[in-house]
Amino acid sequence: AQGQGRYEDGYFRPALWGPQSYNALAGLAKVDTLAAFLKANMPYTSGGMLSVQEAWDLATFIDAQERPSGGSSGEPSK
C-alpha cells in the first residue's frame, strides 16, 4: 500500500520506492524508461491498457519517491 513491496514467503511484489527498491542509478529510475515499461505491462496480465498520459503520470510519481542512491554509501536519495 505504501510502495514498499510485499514479501510473503519470499519475493512476491517488488518495492517501488524505499530502501528495498531499485536504486537511483537503475534504468527504471529514468521516467521515460519506466513510463514505457508501465505502458507495456500494466495492469498486470493486461499490459497496454494504460494511456500514454497515465503511464507518464505513474512513472513521474513513482520515480519522485525516495530510493537507494546506488552509490557506495548506501544512503537513500532524496
C-alpha atoms as a PDB file:
ATOM      1  CA  ALA A   1       0.000   0.000   0.000  1.00  0.00           C
ATOM      2  CA  GLN A   2       2.935   2.357   0.635  1.00  0.00           C
ATOM      3  CA  GLY A   3       5.115   1.263  -2.292  1.00  0.00           C
ATOM      4  CA  GLN A   4       7.285  -0.920  -0.061  1.00  0.00           C
ATOM      5  CA  GLY A   5       6.544  -4.175  -1.893  1.00  0.00           C
ATOM      6  CA  ARG A   6       5.196  -7.386  -0.493  1.00  0.00           C
ATOM      7  CA  TYR A   7       7.321 -10.282   0.678  1.00  0.00           C
ATOM      8  CA  GLU A   8       5.222 -13.240   1.842  1.00  0.00           C
ATOM      9  CA  ASP A   9       7.236 -16.472   1.969  1.00  0.00           C
ATOM     10  CA  GLY A  10       9.883 -14.787  -0.154  1.00  0.00           C
ATOM     11  CA  TYR A  11       9.703 -12.349  -3.037  1.00  0.00           C
ATOM     12  CA  PHE A  12       6.110 -11.575  -4.070  1.00  0.00           C
ATOM     13  CA  ARG A  13       5.857  -7.949  -5.296  1.00  0.00           C
ATOM     14  CA  PRO A  14       8.872  -5.667  -5.586  1.00  0.00           C
ATOM     15  CA  ALA A  15       9.165  -2.388  -3.727  1.00  0.00           C
ATOM     16  CA  LEU A  16       8.551   0.673  -5.896  1.00  0.00           C
ATOM     17  CA  TRP A  17      10.388   3.013  -3.504  1.00  0.00           C
ATOM     18  CA  GLY A  18      12.147   2.929  -0.184  1.00  0.00           C
ATOM     19  CA  PRO A  19      15.249   1.039   0.929  1.00  0.00           C
ATOM     20  CA  GLN A  20      14.355  -2.251  -0.823  1.00  0.00           C
ATOM     21  CA  SER A  21      13.516  -0.679  -4.193  1.00  0.00           C
ATOM     22  CA  TYR A  22      15.637  -0.289  -7.302  1.00  0.00           C
ATOM     23  CA  ASN A  23      18.347   2.302  -6.840  1.00  0.00           C
ATOM     24  CA  ALA A  24      18.592   5.773  -8.342  1.00  0.00           C
ATOM     25  CA  LEU A  25      21.073   4.557 -10.986  1.00  0.00           C
ATOM     26  CA  ALA A  26      18.806   1.766 -12.313  1.00  0.00           C
ATOM     27  CA  GLY A  27      17.233   2.033 -15.743  1.00  0.00           C
ATOM     28  CA  LEU A  28      13.727   2.290 -14.264  1.00  0.00           C
ATOM     29  CA  ALA A  29      14.829   5.402 -12.368  1.00  0.00           C
ATOM     30  CA  LYS A  30      14.517   7.228 -15.698  1.00  0.00           C
ATOM     31  CA  VAL A  31      10.936   8.446 -16.114  1.00  0.00           C
ATOM     32  CA  ASP A  32      10.796   7.707 -19.856  1.00  0.00           C
ATOM     33  CA  THR A  33      12.039   4.132 -19.364  1.00  0.00           C
ATOM     34  CA  LEU A  34       9.623   3.464 -16.506  1.00  0.00           C
ATOM     35  CA  ALA A  35       6.718   5.023 -18.439  1.00  0.00           C
ATOM     36  CA  ALA A  36       7.388   2.749 -21.420  1.00  0.00           C
ATOM     37  CA  PHE A  37       7.585  -0.287 -19.118  1.00  0.00           C
ATOM     38  CA  LEU A  38       4.337   0.640 -17.358  1.00  0.00           C
ATOM     39  CA  LYS A  39       2.535   1.281 -20.652  1.00  0.00           C
ATOM     40  CA  ALA A  40       3.533  -2.144 -21.978  1.00  0.00           C
ATOM     41  CA  ASN A  41       3.000  -4.137 -18.785  1.00  0.00           C
ATOM     42  CA  MET A  42       0.268  -2.580 -16.672  1.00  0.00           C
ATOM     43  CA  PRO A  43      -2.087  -3.578 -15.347  1.00  0.00           C
ATOM     44  CA  TYR A  44      -0.547  -6.948 -14.529  1.00  0.00           C
ATOM     45  CA  THR A  45      -1.575  -9.607 -17.094  1.00  0.00           C
ATOM     46  CA  SER A  46      -3.342  -6.947 -19.184  1.00  0.00           C
ATOM     47  CA  GLY A  47      -0.483  -4.776 -20.427  1.00  0.00           C
ATOM     48  CA  GLY A  48      -1.218  -1.937 -22.782  1.00  0.00           C
ATOM     49  CA  MET A  49      -4.404  -0.722 -21.104  1.00  0.00           C
ATOM     50  CA  LEU A  50      -2.865   2.463 -19.695  1.00  0.00           C
ATOM     51  CA  SER A  51      -2.888   5.583 -21.804  1.00  0.00           C
ATOM     52  CA  VAL A  52       0.426   7.252 -22.557  1.00  0.00           C
ATOM     53  CA  GLN A  53      -0.519  10.048 -20.126  1.00  0.00           C
ATOM     54  CA  GLU A  54      -1.420   7.557 -17.350  1.00  0.00           C
ATOM     55  CA  ALA A  55       1.894   5.744 -17.811  1.00  0.00           C
ATOM     56  CA  TRP A  56       3.838   9.029 -17.640  1.00  0.00           C
ATOM     57  CA  ASP A  57       1.866  10.195 -14.592  1.00  0.00           C
ATOM     58  CA  LEU A  58       2.579   6.937 -12.742  1.00  0.00           C
ATOM     59  CA  ALA A  59       6.244   6.935 -13.738  1.00  0.00           C
ATOM     60  CA  THR A  60       6.673  10.535 -12.615  1.00  0.00           C
ATOM     61  CA  PHE A  61       5.070   9.790  -9.247  1.00  0.00           C
ATOM     62  CA  ILE A  62       6.999   6.543  -8.647  1.00  0.00           C
ATOM     63  CA  ASP A  63      10.388   7.955  -9.645  1.00  0.00           C
ATOM     64  CA  ALA A  64       9.898  11.008  -7.418  1.00  0.00           C
ATOM     65  CA  GLN A  65       9.887   8.785  -4.317  1.00  0.00           C
ATOM     66  CA  GLU A  66      12.912   8.147  -2.122  1.00  0.00           C
ATOM     67  CA  ARG A  67      15.095   5.186  -3.076  1.00  0.00           C
ATOM     68  CA  PRO A  68      18.646   3.935  -2.562  1.00  0.00           C
ATOM     69  CA  SER A  69      21.234   6.155  -4.236  1.00  0.00           C
ATOM     70  CA  GLY A  70      23.089   3.365  -5.992  1.00  0.00           C
ATOM     71  CA  GLY A  71      26.417   4.765  -4.824  1.00  0.00           C
ATOM     72  CA  SER A  72      28.774   3.111  -2.391  1.00  0.00           C
ATOM     73  CA  SER A  73      27.341   4.962   0.608  1.00  0.00           C
ATOM     74  CA  GLY A  74      24.023   3.101   0.531  1.00  0.00           C
ATOM     75  CA  GLU A  75      22.263   6.316   1.586  1.00  0.00           C
ATOM     76  CA  PRO A  76      18.811   6.898   0.099  1.00  0.00           C
ATOM     77  CA  SER A  77      18.462   9.626  -2.475  1.00  0.00           C
ATOM     78  CA  LYS A  78      16.082  12.477  -1.733  1.00  0.00           C
END
